[in-house]
Amino acid sequence: MTEPERVEIPADAAELAHRIVEIASDKKGNDIVMLRMAELTTMADFFVICSGRSDRQVQALAGAIVNELRDDGIRPRGTEGRQSARWVLLDFGSVIVHVFAPEEREFYGLERLWSNAVQVVRVV
């Protein structure tokens, strides 16, 4: 299998992804992973994936990310799943955030699905 061609990513996308990792870590998110997606898909430059210990923490993590980025003048283009709090998706354009309950993260296995993505950051 050949290596994917390196794609130039705007610095602000990387900064945003790192900021999201920082927020999730500060709010005690579990197993936070930042994947570089630019070489694999056009949907986003980065995925940030993390878990909460409970539905309540999944909601709190997603809410903290949205609220703290709003304070920085950044709003999501879209959100999905905030009512169920089992898998919340936050679309910031160049960065897509997945906040999972542990069972859903295991079931959907995004890290396995996108195993060819470069893992930029992992906070366990």
PDB file of N, CA and C in Angstrom:
ATOM      1  N   MET A   1       0.849  -1.164   0.000  1.00  0.00           N
ATOM      2  CA  MET A   1       0.000   0.000   0.000  1.00  0.00           C
ATOM      3  C   MET A   1       0.900   1.235   0.000  1.00  0.00           C
ATOM      4  N   THR A   2       0.577   2.210  -0.832  1.00  0.00           N
ATOM      5  CA  THR A   2       1.392   3.419  -0.920  1.00  0.00           C
ATOM      6  C   THR A   2       0.947   4.423   0.131  1.00  0.00           C
ATOM      7  N   GLU A   3       1.895   5.248   0.550  1.00  0.00           N
ATOM      8  CA  GLU A   3       1.601   6.304   1.511  1.00  0.00           C
ATOM      9  C   GLU A   3       0.752   7.376   0.833  1.00  0.00           C
ATOM     10  N   PRO A   4      -0.257   7.917   1.527  1.00  0.00           N
ATOM     11  CA  PRO A   4      -1.034   9.001   0.934  1.00  0.00           C
ATOM     12  C   PRO A   4      -0.166  10.244   0.790  1.00  0.00           C
ATOM     13  N   GLU A   5      -0.501  11.031  -0.207  1.00  0.00           N
ATOM     14  CA  GLU A   5       0.232  12.278  -0.437  1.00  0.00           C
ATOM     15  C   GLU A   5      -0.018  13.243   0.711  1.00  0.00           C
ATOM     16  N   ARG A   6       1.024  13.926   1.137  1.00  0.00           N
ATOM     17  CA  ARG A   6       0.923  14.895   2.237  1.00  0.00           C
ATOM     18  C   ARG A   6       0.139  16.113   1.752  1.00  0.00           C
ATOM     19  N   VAL A   7      -0.878  16.499   2.499  1.00  0.00           N
ATOM     20  CA  VAL A   7      -1.726  17.629   2.155  1.00  0.00           C
ATOM     21  C   VAL A   7      -1.407  18.773   3.109  1.00  0.00           C
ATOM     22  N   GLU A   8      -1.264  19.959   2.582  1.00  0.00           N
ATOM     23  CA  GLU A   8      -0.996  21.140   3.410  1.00  0.00           C
ATOM     24  C   GLU A   8      -2.285  21.532   4.143  1.00  0.00           C
ATOM     25  N   ILE A   9      -2.183  21.665   5.451  1.00  0.00           N
ATOM     26  CA  ILE A   9      -3.329  22.020   6.282  1.00  0.00           C
ATOM     27  C   ILE A   9      -3.121  23.430   6.813  1.00  0.00           C
ATOM     28  N   PRO A  10      -4.147  24.268   6.747  1.00  0.00           N
ATOM     29  CA  PRO A  10      -4.003  25.616   7.301  1.00  0.00           C
ATOM     30  C   PRO A  10      -3.661  25.547   8.792  1.00  0.00           C
ATOM     31  N   ALA A  11      -2.813  26.451   9.251  1.00  0.00           N
ATOM     32  CA  ALA A  11      -2.380  26.470  10.649  1.00  0.00           C
ATOM     33  C   ALA A  11      -3.560  26.630  11.589  1.00  0.00           C
ATOM     34  N   ASP A  12      -4.573  27.395  11.174  1.00  0.00           N
ATOM     35  CA  ASP A  12      -5.705  27.611  12.070  1.00  0.00           C
ATOM     36  C   ASP A  12      -6.500  26.330  12.322  1.00  0.00           C
ATOM     37  N   ALA A  13      -6.530  25.405  11.371  1.00  0.00           N
ATOM     38  CA  ALA A  13      -7.208  24.121  11.582  1.00  0.00           C
ATOM     39  C   ALA A  13      -6.481  23.314  12.651  1.00  0.00           C
ATOM     40  N   ALA A  14      -5.171  23.272  12.567  1.00  0.00           N
ATOM     41  CA  ALA A  14      -4.383  22.553  13.567  1.00  0.00           C
ATOM     42  C   ALA A  14      -4.522  23.209  14.932  1.00  0.00           C
ATOM     43  N   GLU A  15      -4.493  24.534  14.968  1.00  0.00           N
ATOM     44  CA  GLU A  15      -4.655  25.252  16.236  1.00  0.00           C
ATOM     45  C   GLU A  15      -6.015  24.966  16.856  1.00  0.00           C
ATOM     46  N   LEU A  16      -7.058  24.963  16.029  1.00  0.00           N
ATOM     47  CA  LEU A  16      -8.400  24.678  16.517  1.00  0.00           C
ATOM     48  C   LEU A  16      -8.469  23.263  17.083  1.00  0.00           C
ATOM     49  N   ALA A  17      -7.925  22.298  16.366  1.00  0.00           N
ATOM     50  CA  ALA A  17      -7.950  20.912  16.838  1.00  0.00           C
ATOM     51  C   ALA A  17      -7.213  20.777  18.164  1.00  0.00           C
ATOM     52  N   HIS A  18      -6.055  21.412  18.286  1.00  0.00           N
ATOM     53  CA  HIS A  18      -5.307  21.369  19.548  1.00  0.00           C
ATOM     54  C   HIS A  18      -6.087  22.053  20.676  1.00  0.00           C
ATOM     55  N   ARG A  19      -6.765  23.139  20.368  1.00  0.00           N
ATOM     56  CA  ARG A  19      -7.574  23.841  21.375  1.00  0.00           C
ATOM     57  C   ARG A  19      -8.702  22.934  21.863  1.00  0.00           C
ATOM     58  N   ILE A  20      -9.321  22.195  20.959  1.00  0.00           N
ATOM     59  CA  ILE A  20     -10.408  21.279  21.337  1.00  0.00           C
ATOM     60  C   ILE A  20      -9.867  20.165  22.228  1.00  0.00           C
ATOM     61  N   VAL A  21      -8.705  19.625  21.896  1.00  0.00           N
ATOM     62  CA  VAL A  21      -8.074  18.607  22.744  1.00  0.00           C
ATOM     63  C   VAL A  21      -7.829  19.174  24.144  1.00  0.00           C
ATOM     64  N   GLU A  22      -7.350  20.391  24.200  1.00  0.00           N
ATOM     65  CA  GLU A  22      -7.079  21.054  25.487  1.00  0.00           C
ATOM     66  C   GLU A  22      -8.352  21.198  26.324  1.00  0.00           C
ATOM     67  N   ILE A  23      -9.431  21.631  25.690  1.00  0.00           N
ATOM     68  CA  ILE A  23     -10.707  21.796  26.401  1.00  0.00           C
ATOM     69  C   ILE A  23     -11.196  20.447  26.913  1.00  0.00           C
ATOM     70  N   ALA A  24     -11.187  19.436  26.050  1.00  0.00           N
ATOM     71  CA  ALA A  24     -11.652  18.099  26.451  1.00  0.00           C
ATOM     72  C   ALA A  24     -10.810  17.556  27.604  1.00  0.00           C
ATOM     73  N   SER A  25      -9.516  17.780  27.550  1.00  0.00           N
ATOM     74  CA  SER A  25      -8.628  17.321  28.617  1.00  0.00           C
ATOM     75  C   SER A  25      -8.918  18.057  29.926  1.00  0.00           C
ATOM     76  N   ASP A  26      -9.096  19.369  29.844  1.00  0.00           N
ATOM     77  CA  ASP A  26      -9.403  20.169  31.034  1.00  0.00           C
ATOM     78  C   ASP A  26     -10.711  19.725  31.682  1.00  0.00           C
ATOM     79  N   LYS A  27     -11.650  19.263  30.870  1.00  0.00           N
ATOM     80  CA  LYS A  27     -12.963  18.835  31.375  1.00  0.00           C
ATOM     81  C   LYS A  27     -13.009  17.337  31.676  1.00  0.00           C
ATOM     82  N   LYS A  28     -11.840  16.729  31.755  1.00  0.00           N
ATOM     83  CA  LYS A  28     -11.692  15.317  32.156  1.00  0.00           C
ATOM     84  C   LYS A  28     -12.268  14.329  31.150  1.00  0.00           C
ATOM     85  N   GLY A  29     -12.179  14.660  29.855  1.00  0.00           N
ATOM     86  CA  GLY A  29     -12.542  13.706  28.828  1.00  0.00           C
ATOM     87  C   GLY A  29     -11.587  12.521  28.865  1.00  0.00           C
ATOM     88  N   ASN A  30     -12.060  11.362  28.471  1.00  0.00           N
ATOM     89  CA  ASN A  30     -11.253  10.141  28.474  1.00  0.00           C
ATOM     90  C   ASN A  30     -10.734   9.821  27.080  1.00  0.00           C
ATOM     91  N   ASP A  31      -9.532   9.270  27.029  1.00  0.00           N
ATOM     92  CA  ASP A  31      -8.939   8.732  25.800  1.00  0.00           C
ATOM     93  C   ASP A  31      -9.158   9.676  24.609  1.00  0.00           C
ATOM     94  N   ILE A  32      -8.562  10.846  24.683  1.00  0.00           N
ATOM     95  CA  ILE A  32      -8.723  11.875  23.660  1.00  0.00           C
ATOM     96  C   ILE A  32      -7.727  11.608  22.537  1.00  0.00           C
ATOM     97  N   VAL A  33      -8.225  11.556  21.315  1.00  0.00           N
ATOM     98  CA  VAL A  33      -7.397  11.271  20.148  1.00  0.00           C
ATOM     99  C   VAL A  33      -7.640  12.344  19.096  1.00  0.00           C
ATOM    100  N   MET A  34      -6.550  12.842  18.509  1.00  0.00           N
ATOM    101  CA  MET A  34      -6.645  13.781  17.391  1.00  0.00           C
ATOM    102  C   MET A  34      -6.053  13.082  16.175  1.00  0.00           C
ATOM    103  N   LEU A  35      -6.872  12.903  15.139  1.00  0.00           N
ATOM    104  CA  LEU A  35      -6.446  12.241  13.914  1.00  0.00           C
ATOM    105  C   LEU A  35      -6.337  13.251  12.782  1.00  0.00           C
ATOM    106  N   ARG A  36      -5.270  13.150  12.025  1.00  0.00           N
ATOM    107  CA  ARG A  36      -5.088  13.985  10.833  1.00  0.00           C
ATOM    108  C   ARG A  36      -5.801  13.282   9.678  1.00  0.00           C
ATOM    109  N   MET A  37      -6.844  13.913   9.156  1.00  0.00           N
ATOM    110  CA  MET A  37      -7.711  13.289   8.155  1.00  0.00           C
ATOM    111  C   MET A  37      -7.491  13.815   6.745  1.00  0.00           C
ATOM    112  N   ALA A  38      -6.732  14.879   6.586  1.00  0.00           N
ATOM    113  CA  ALA A  38      -6.634  15.597   5.311  1.00  0.00           C
ATOM    114  C   ALA A  38      -6.228  14.710   4.142  1.00  0.00           C
ATOM    115  N   GLU A  39      -5.370  13.736   4.393  1.00  0.00           N
ATOM    116  CA  GLU A  39      -4.915  12.876   3.300  1.00  0.00           C
ATOM    117  C   GLU A  39      -5.939  11.800   2.931  1.00  0.00           C
ATOM    118  N   LEU A  40      -6.925  11.589   3.793  1.00  0.00           N
ATOM    119  CA  LEU A  40      -7.864  10.485   3.603  1.00  0.00           C
ATOM    120  C   LEU A  40      -9.254  10.889   3.152  1.00  0.00           C
ATOM    121  N   THR A  41      -9.642  12.122   3.468  1.00  0.00           N
ATOM    122  CA  THR A  41     -10.999  12.553   3.146  1.00  0.00           C
ATOM    123  C   THR A  41     -11.042  14.067   3.001  1.00  0.00           C
ATOM    124  N   THR A  42     -12.038  14.547   2.284  1.00  0.00           N
ATOM    125  CA  THR A  42     -12.220  15.991   2.149  1.00  0.00           C
ATOM    126  C   THR A  42     -13.197  16.541   3.181  1.00  0.00           C
ATOM    127  N   MET A  43     -13.761  15.660   4.021  1.00  0.00           N
ATOM    128  CA  MET A  43     -14.774  16.144   4.968  1.00  0.00           C
ATOM    129  C   MET A  43     -14.195  16.999   6.086  1.00  0.00           C
ATOM    130  N   ALA A  44     -12.916  16.777   6.457  1.00  0.00           N
ATOM    131  CA  ALA A  44     -12.297  17.563   7.531  1.00  0.00           C
ATOM    132  C   ALA A  44     -10.795  17.330   7.516  1.00  0.00           C
ATOM    133  N   ASP A  45     -10.054  18.287   8.066  1.00  0.00           N
ATOM    134  CA  ASP A  45      -8.610  18.125   8.205  1.00  0.00           C
ATOM    135  C   ASP A  45      -8.262  17.285   9.424  1.00  0.00           C
ATOM    136  N   PHE A  46      -9.084  17.396  10.484  1.00  0.00           N
ATOM    137  CA  PHE A  46      -8.835  16.658  11.722  1.00  0.00           C
ATOM    138  C   PHE A  46     -10.134  16.120  12.295  1.00  0.00           C
ATOM    139  N   PHE A  47     -10.038  14.965  12.955  1.00  0.00           N
ATOM    140  CA  PHE A  47     -11.078  14.466  13.852  1.00  0.00           C
ATOM    141  C   PHE A  47     -10.501  14.548  15.250  1.00  0.00           C
ATOM    142  N   VAL A  48     -11.304  14.987  16.194  1.00  0.00           N
ATOM    143  CA  VAL A  48     -10.972  14.849  17.608  1.00  0.00           C
ATOM    144  C   VAL A  48     -12.029  13.917  18.181  1.00  0.00           C
ATOM    145  N   ILE A  49     -11.572  12.833  18.799  1.00  0.00           N
ATOM    146  CA  ILE A  49     -12.455  11.812  19.357  1.00  0.00           C
ATOM    147  C   ILE A  49     -12.160  11.709  20.845  1.00  0.00           C
ATOM    148  N   CYS A  50     -13.214  11.710  21.654  1.00  0.00           N
ATOM    149  CA  CYS A  50     -13.019  11.520  23.094  1.00  0.00           C
ATOM    150  C   CYS A  50     -14.250  10.853  23.681  1.00  0.00           C
ATOM    151  N   SER A  51     -14.110  10.418  24.923  1.00  0.00           N
ATOM    152  CA  SER A  51     -15.205   9.750  25.617  1.00  0.00           C
ATOM    153  C   SER A  51     -15.494  10.442  26.932  1.00  0.00           C
ATOM    154  N   GLY A  52     -16.761  10.361  27.327  1.00  0.00           N
ATOM    155  CA  GLY A  52     -17.177  10.743  28.665  1.00  0.00           C
ATOM    156  C   GLY A  52     -17.536   9.478  29.424  1.00  0.00           C
ATOM    157  N   ARG A  53     -17.506   9.539  30.729  1.00  0.00           N
ATOM    158  CA  ARG A  53     -17.794   8.351  31.551  1.00  0.00           C
ATOM    159  C   ARG A  53     -19.291   8.058  31.648  1.00  0.00           C
ATOM    160  N   SER A  54     -20.114   9.058  31.372  1.00  0.00           N
ATOM    161  CA  SER A  54     -21.566   8.922  31.499  1.00  0.00           C
ATOM    162  C   SER A  54     -22.230   9.828  30.468  1.00  0.00           C
ATOM    163  N   ASP A  55     -23.531   9.653  30.296  1.00  0.00           N
ATOM    164  CA  ASP A  55     -24.278  10.529  29.389  1.00  0.00           C
ATOM    165  C   ASP A  55     -24.137  11.984  29.817  1.00  0.00           C
ATOM    166  N   ARG A  56     -24.174  12.197  31.116  1.00  0.00           N
ATOM    167  CA  ARG A  56     -24.059  13.555  31.642  1.00  0.00           C
ATOM    168  C   ARG A  56     -22.704  14.172  31.286  1.00  0.00           C
ATOM    169  N   GLN A  57     -21.622  13.382  31.392  1.00  0.00           N
ATOM    170  CA  GLN A  57     -20.306  13.919  31.059  1.00  0.00           C
ATOM    171  C   GLN A  57     -20.158  14.130  29.557  1.00  0.00           C
ATOM    172  N   VAL A  58     -20.754  13.258  28.741  1.00  0.00           N
ATOM    173  CA  VAL A  58     -20.734  13.465  27.284  1.00  0.00           C
ATOM    174  C   VAL A  58     -21.367  14.818  26.969  1.00  0.00           C
ATOM    175  N   GLN A  59     -22.524  15.098  27.575  1.00  0.00           N
ATOM    176  CA  GLN A  59     -23.198  16.391  27.380  1.00  0.00           C
ATOM    177  C   GLN A  59     -22.309  17.543  27.847  1.00  0.00           C
ATOM    178  N   ALA A  60     -21.692  17.370  29.021  1.00  0.00           N
ATOM    179  CA  ALA A  60     -20.851  18.429  29.583  1.00  0.00           C
ATOM    180  C   ALA A  60     -19.627  18.693  28.713  1.00  0.00           C
ATOM    181  N   LEU A  61     -18.998  17.645  28.210  1.00  0.00           N
ATOM    182  CA  LEU A  61     -17.832  17.821  27.334  1.00  0.00           C
ATOM    183  C   LEU A  61     -18.210  18.579  26.068  1.00  0.00           C
ATOM    184  N   ALA A  62     -19.288  18.123  25.417  1.00  0.00           N
ATOM    185  CA  ALA A  62     -19.732  18.792  24.184  1.00  0.00           C
ATOM    186  C   ALA A  62     -20.103  20.239  24.465  1.00  0.00           C
ATOM    187  N   GLY A  63     -20.807  20.478  25.560  1.00  0.00           N
ATOM    188  CA  GLY A  63     -21.194  21.838  25.927  1.00  0.00           C
ATOM    189  C   GLY A  63     -19.995  22.728  26.211  1.00  0.00           C
ATOM    190  N   ALA A  64     -19.003  22.186  26.909  1.00  0.00           N
ATOM    191  CA  ALA A  64     -17.801  22.967  27.223  1.00  0.00           C
ATOM    192  C   ALA A  64     -17.046  23.337  25.961  1.00  0.00           C
ATOM    193  N   ILE A  65     -16.935  22.406  25.026  1.00  0.00           N
ATOM    194  CA  ILE A  65     -16.233  22.693  23.769  1.00  0.00           C
ATOM    195  C   ILE A  65     -16.949  23.809  23.016  1.00  0.00           C
ATOM    196  N   VAL A  66     -18.265  23.688  22.883  1.00  0.00           N
ATOM    197  CA  VAL A  66     -19.040  24.716  22.174  1.00  0.00           C
ATOM    198  C   VAL A  66     -18.931  26.058  22.887  1.00  0.00           C
ATOM    199  N   ASN A  67     -19.103  26.062  24.204  1.00  0.00           N
ATOM    200  CA  ASN A  67     -19.104  27.326  24.955  1.00  0.00           C
ATOM    201  C   ASN A  67     -17.744  28.002  24.957  1.00  0.00           C
ATOM    202  N   GLU A  68     -16.686  27.251  25.180  1.00  0.00           N
ATOM    203  CA  GLU A  68     -15.355  27.869  25.225  1.00  0.00           C
ATOM    204  C   GLU A  68     -14.921  28.364  23.849  1.00  0.00           C
ATOM    205  N   LEU A  69     -15.271  27.636  22.797  1.00  0.00           N
ATOM    206  CA  LEU A  69     -14.927  28.116  21.453  1.00  0.00           C
ATOM    207  C   LEU A  69     -15.787  29.308  21.062  1.00  0.00           C
ATOM    208  N   ARG A  70     -17.024  29.343  21.541  1.00  0.00           N
ATOM    209  CA  ARG A  70     -17.877  30.511  21.283  1.00  0.00           C
ATOM    210  C   ARG A  70     -17.231  31.756  21.886  1.00  0.00           C
ATOM    211  N   ASP A  71     -16.650  31.592  23.085  1.00  0.00           N
ATOM    212  CA  ASP A  71     -15.943  32.713  23.713  1.00  0.00           C
ATOM    213  C   ASP A  71     -14.756  33.168  22.862  1.00  0.00           C
ATOM    214  N   ASP A  72     -14.191  32.259  22.057  1.00  0.00           N
ATOM    215  CA  ASP A  72     -13.091  32.589  21.146  1.00  0.00           C
ATOM    216  C   ASP A  72     -13.602  33.082  19.793  1.00  0.00           C
ATOM    217  N   GLY A  73     -14.938  33.195  19.641  1.00  0.00           N
ATOM    218  CA  GLY A  73     -15.523  33.660  18.390  1.00  0.00           C
ATOM    219  C   GLY A  73     -15.715  32.564  17.356  1.00  0.00           C
ATOM    220  N   ILE A  74     -15.699  31.298  17.788  1.00  0.00           N
ATOM    221  CA  ILE A  74     -15.832  30.158  16.867  1.00  0.00           C
ATOM    222  C   ILE A  74     -17.113  29.414  17.207  1.00  0.00           C
ATOM    223  N   ARG A  75     -17.935  29.211  16.199  1.00  0.00           N
ATOM    224  CA  ARG A  75     -19.201  28.491  16.395  1.00  0.00           C
ATOM    225  C   ARG A  75     -19.226  27.261  15.493  1.00  0.00           C
ATOM    226  N   PRO A  76     -19.859  26.181  15.959  1.00  0.00           N
ATOM    227  CA  PRO A  76     -19.966  24.998  15.103  1.00  0.00           C
ATOM    228  C   PRO A  76     -20.898  25.261  13.930  1.00  0.00           C
ATOM    229  N   ARG A  77     -20.570  24.615  12.813  1.00  0.00           N
ATOM    230  CA  ARG A  77     -21.458  24.686  11.642  1.00  0.00           C
ATOM    231  C   ARG A  77     -22.685  23.832  11.868  1.00  0.00           C
ATOM    232  N   GLY A  78     -22.525  22.793  12.673  1.00  0.00           N
ATOM    233  CA  GLY A  78     -23.637  21.898  12.964  1.00  0.00           C
ATOM    234  C   GLY A  78     -23.329  21.025  14.162  1.00  0.00           C
ATOM    235  N   THR A  79     -24.393  20.536  14.782  1.00  0.00           N
ATOM    236  CA  THR A  79     -24.258  19.599  15.895  1.00  0.00           C
ATOM    237  C   THR A  79     -25.285  18.492  15.714  1.00  0.00           C
ATOM    238  N   GLU A  80     -24.935  17.317  16.191  1.00  0.00           N
ATOM    239  CA  GLU A  80     -25.852  16.166  16.141  1.00  0.00           C
ATOM    240  C   GLU A  80     -25.728  15.404  17.446  1.00  0.00           C
ATOM    241  N   GLY A  81     -26.840  14.864  17.936  1.00  0.00           N
ATOM    242  CA  GLY A  81     -26.817  13.933  19.049  1.00  0.00           C
ATOM    243  C   GLY A  81     -26.798  14.525  20.439  1.00  0.00           C
ATOM    244  N   ARG A  82     -26.939  15.823  20.578  1.00  0.00           N
ATOM    245  CA  ARG A  82     -26.845  16.412  21.924  1.00  0.00           C
ATOM    246  C   ARG A  82     -28.004  15.970  22.820  1.00  0.00           C
ATOM    247  N   GLN A  83     -29.127  15.627  22.242  1.00  0.00           N
ATOM    248  CA  GLN A  83     -30.263  15.182  23.057  1.00  0.00           C
ATOM    249  C   GLN A  83     -30.032  13.788  23.645  1.00  0.00           C
ATOM    250  N   SER A  84     -29.495  12.879  22.846  1.00  0.00           N
ATOM    251  CA  SER A  84     -29.308  11.510  23.330  1.00  0.00           C
ATOM    252  C   SER A  84     -28.074  11.379  24.209  1.00  0.00           C
ATOM    253  N   ALA A  85     -27.066  12.194  23.948  1.00  0.00           N
ATOM    254  CA  ALA A  85     -25.820  12.228  24.732  1.00  0.00           C
ATOM    255  C   ALA A  85     -25.083  10.898  24.740  1.00  0.00           C
ATOM    256  N   ARG A  86     -25.233  10.107  23.708  1.00  0.00           N
ATOM    257  CA  ARG A  86     -24.465   8.862  23.584  1.00  0.00           C
ATOM    258  C   ARG A  86     -23.330   9.041  22.581  1.00  0.00           C
ATOM    259  N   TRP A  87     -23.569   9.886  21.562  1.00  0.00           N
ATOM    260  CA  TRP A  87     -22.558  10.250  20.583  1.00  0.00           C
ATOM    261  C   TRP A  87     -22.916  11.646  20.092  1.00  0.00           C
ATOM    262  N   VAL A  88     -22.123  12.602  20.481  1.00  0.00           N
ATOM    263  CA  VAL A  88     -22.355  13.983  20.051  1.00  0.00           C
ATOM    264  C   VAL A  88     -21.318  14.333  18.997  1.00  0.00           C
ATOM    265  N   LEU A  89     -21.769  14.847  17.875  1.00  0.00           N
ATOM    266  CA  LEU A  89     -20.891  15.273  16.797  1.00  0.00           C
ATOM    267  C   LEU A  89     -20.969  16.790  16.701  1.00  0.00           C
ATOM    268  N   LEU A  90     -19.800  17.426  16.704  1.00  0.00           N
ATOM    269  CA  LEU A  90     -19.696  18.879  16.550  1.00  0.00           C
ATOM    270  C   LEU A  90     -18.882  19.147  15.294  1.00  0.00           C
ATOM    271  N   ASP A  91     -19.459  19.840  14.337  1.00  0.00           N
ATOM    272  CA  ASP A  91     -18.804  20.111  13.059  1.00  0.00           C
ATOM    273  C   ASP A  91     -18.307  21.557  13.045  1.00  0.00           C
ATOM    274  N   PHE A  92     -16.978  21.694  13.107  1.00  0.00           N
ATOM    275  CA  PHE A  92     -16.356  23.015  13.032  1.00  0.00           C
ATOM    276  C   PHE A  92     -15.694  23.228  11.666  1.00  0.00           C
ATOM    277  N   GLY A  93     -16.174  22.519  10.649  1.00  0.00           N
ATOM    278  CA  GLY A  93     -15.623  22.663   9.304  1.00  0.00           C
ATOM    279  C   GLY A  93     -14.353  21.860   9.142  1.00  0.00           C
ATOM    280  N   SER A  94     -13.228  22.458   9.423  1.00  0.00           N
ATOM    281  CA  SER A  94     -11.945  21.767   9.256  1.00  0.00           C
ATOM    282  C   SER A  94     -11.680  20.753  10.357  1.00  0.00           C
ATOM    283  N   VAL A  95     -12.455  20.834  11.445  1.00  0.00           N
ATOM    284  CA  VAL A  95     -12.314  19.903  12.571  1.00  0.00           C
ATOM    285  C   VAL A  95     -13.686  19.360  12.936  1.00  0.00           C
ATOM    286  N   ILE A  96     -13.791  18.035  12.999  1.00  0.00           N
ATOM    287  CA  ILE A  96     -15.026  17.392  13.442  1.00  0.00           C
ATOM    288  C   ILE A  96     -14.734  16.700  14.765  1.00  0.00           C
ATOM    289  N   VAL A  97     -15.577  16.973  15.748  1.00  0.00           N
ATOM    290  CA  VAL A  97     -15.404  16.438  17.095  1.00  0.00           C
ATOM    291  C   VAL A  97     -16.452  15.364  17.340  1.00  0.00           C
ATOM    292  N   HIS A  98     -15.989  14.217  17.855  1.00  0.00           N
ATOM    293  CA  HIS A  98     -16.875  13.118  18.231  1.00  0.00           C
ATOM    294  C   HIS A  98     -16.716  12.896  19.726  1.00  0.00           C
ATOM    295  N   VAL A  99     -17.795  13.093  20.487  1.00  0.00           N
ATOM    296  CA  VAL A  99     -17.781  12.844  21.926  1.00  0.00           C
ATOM    297  C   VAL A  99     -18.706  11.652  22.168  1.00  0.00           C
ATOM    298  N   PHE A 100     -18.123  10.574  22.669  1.00  0.00           N
ATOM    299  CA  PHE A 100     -18.841   9.309  22.803  1.00  0.00           C
ATOM    300  C   PHE A 100     -19.053   8.893  24.245  1.00  0.00           C
ATOM    301  N   ALA A 101     -20.126   8.148  24.475  1.00  0.00           N
ATOM    302  CA  ALA A 101     -20.218   7.292  25.650  1.00  0.00           C
ATOM    303  C   ALA A 101     -19.328   6.078  25.330  1.00  0.00           C
ATOM    304  N   PRO A 102     -18.725   5.443  26.320  1.00  0.00           N
ATOM    305  CA  PRO A 102     -17.760   4.359  26.055  1.00  0.00           C
ATOM    306  C   PRO A 102     -18.297   3.239  25.163  1.00  0.00           C
ATOM    307  N   GLU A 103     -19.532   2.812  25.378  1.00  0.00           N
ATOM    308  CA  GLU A 103     -20.084   1.696  24.593  1.00  0.00           C
ATOM    309  C   GLU A 103     -20.223   2.073  23.117  1.00  0.00           C
ATOM    310  N   GLU A 104     -20.673   3.290  22.852  1.00  0.00           N
ATOM    311  CA  GLU A 104     -20.826   3.729  21.465  1.00  0.00           C
ATOM    312  C   GLU A 104     -19.471   3.879  20.785  1.00  0.00           C
ATOM    313  N   ARG A 105     -18.494   4.373  21.512  1.00  0.00           N
ATOM    314  CA  ARG A 105     -17.160   4.516  20.916  1.00  0.00           C
ATOM    315  C   ARG A 105     -16.616   3.159  20.508  1.00  0.00           C
ATOM    316  N   GLU A 106     -16.780   2.177  21.362  1.00  0.00           N
ATOM    317  CA  GLU A 106     -16.316   0.818  21.044  1.00  0.00           C
ATOM    318  C   GLU A 106     -17.099   0.253  19.865  1.00  0.00           C
ATOM    319  N   PHE A 107     -18.417   0.426  19.870  1.00  0.00           N
ATOM    320  CA  PHE A 107     -19.261  -0.130  18.829  1.00  0.00           C
ATOM    321  C   PHE A 107     -18.929   0.451  17.452  1.00  0.00           C
ATOM    322  N   TYR A 108     -18.833   1.773  17.350  1.00  0.00           N
ATOM    323  CA  TYR A 108     -18.612   2.416  16.059  1.00  0.00           C
ATOM    324  C   TYR A 108     -17.150   2.382  15.629  1.00  0.00           C
ATOM    325  N   GLY A 109     -16.220   2.324  16.549  1.00  0.00           N
ATOM    326  CA  GLY A 109     -14.810   2.117  16.237  1.00  0.00           C
ATOM    327  C   GLY A 109     -14.224   3.058  15.201  1.00  0.00           C
ATOM    328  N   LEU A 110     -14.413   4.358  15.380  1.00  0.00           N
ATOM    329  CA  LEU A 110     -13.887   5.302  14.396  1.00  0.00           C
ATOM    330  C   LEU A 110     -12.377   5.191  14.218  1.00  0.00           C
ATOM    331  N   GLU A 111     -11.652   4.921  15.308  1.00  0.00           N
ATOM    332  CA  GLU A 111     -10.199   4.770  15.177  1.00  0.00           C
ATOM    333  C   GLU A 111      -9.852   3.567  14.303  1.00  0.00           C
ATOM    334  N   ARG A 112     -10.636   2.501  14.380  1.00  0.00           N
ATOM    335  CA  ARG A 112     -10.411   1.336  13.508  1.00  0.00           C
ATOM    336  C   ARG A 112     -10.805   1.669  12.072  1.00  0.00           C
ATOM    337  N   LEU A 113     -11.947   2.329  11.918  1.00  0.00           N
ATOM    338  CA  LEU A 113     -12.439   2.693  10.592  1.00  0.00           C
ATOM    339  C   LEU A 113     -11.443   3.588   9.860  1.00  0.00           C
ATOM    340  N   TRP A 114     -10.840   4.522  10.586  1.00  0.00           N
ATOM    341  CA  TRP A 114      -9.884   5.469  10.009  1.00  0.00           C
ATOM    342  C   TRP A 114      -8.462   5.134  10.466  1.00  0.00           C
ATOM    343  N   SER A 115      -8.128   3.866  10.494  1.00  0.00           N
ATOM    344  CA  SER A 115      -6.826   3.424  11.013  1.00  0.00           C
ATOM    345  C   SER A 115      -5.647   3.931  10.182  1.00  0.00           C
ATOM    346  N   ASN A 116      -5.875   4.364   8.957  1.00  0.00           N
ATOM    347  CA  ASN A 116      -4.788   4.914   8.133  1.00  0.00           C
ATOM    348  C   ASN A 116      -4.485   6.371   8.452  1.00  0.00           C
ATOM    349  N   ALA A 117      -5.307   6.984   9.286  1.00  0.00           N
ATOM    350  CA  ALA A 117      -5.078   8.390   9.660  1.00  0.00           C
ATOM    351  C   ALA A 117      -3.891   8.476  10.620  1.00  0.00           C
ATOM    352  N   VAL A 118      -3.156   9.554  10.503  1.00  0.00           N
ATOM    353  CA  VAL A 118      -2.034   9.804  11.410  1.00  0.00           C
ATOM    354  C   VAL A 118      -2.601  10.273  12.745  1.00  0.00           C
ATOM    355  N   GLN A 119      -2.190   9.613  13.812  1.00  0.00           N
ATOM    356  CA  GLN A 119      -2.594  10.012  15.153  1.00  0.00           C
ATOM    357  C   GLN A 119      -1.643  11.118  15.616  1.00  0.00           C
ATOM    358  N   VAL A 120      -2.146  12.329  15.728  1.00  0.00           N
ATOM    359  CA  VAL A 120      -1.334  13.495  16.073  1.00  0.00           C
ATOM    360  C   VAL A 120      -1.159  13.592  17.577  1.00  0.00           C
ATOM    361  N   VAL A 121      -2.247  13.363  18.318  1.00  0.00           N
ATOM    362  CA  VAL A 121      -2.247  13.489  19.777  1.00  0.00           C
ATOM    363  C   VAL A 121      -3.070  12.362  20.349  1.00  0.00           C
ATOM    364  N   ARG A 122      -2.627  11.811  21.482  1.00  0.00           N
ATOM    365  CA  ARG A 122      -3.447  10.887  22.259  1.00  0.00           C
ATOM    366  C   ARG A 122      -3.235  11.233  23.721  1.00  0.00           C
ATOM    367  N   VAL A 123      -4.328  11.543  24.431  1.00  0.00           N
ATOM    368  CA  VAL A 123      -4.293  11.839  25.855  1.00  0.00           C
ATOM    369  C   VAL A 123      -5.117  10.750  26.532  1.00  0.00           C
ATOM    370  N   VAL A 124      -4.443   9.928  27.290  1.00  0.00           N
ATOM    371  CA  VAL A 124      -5.137   8.790  27.939  1.00  0.00           C
ATOM    372  C   VAL A 124      -5.508   9.136  29.351  1.00  0.00           C
TER     373      VAL A 124
END
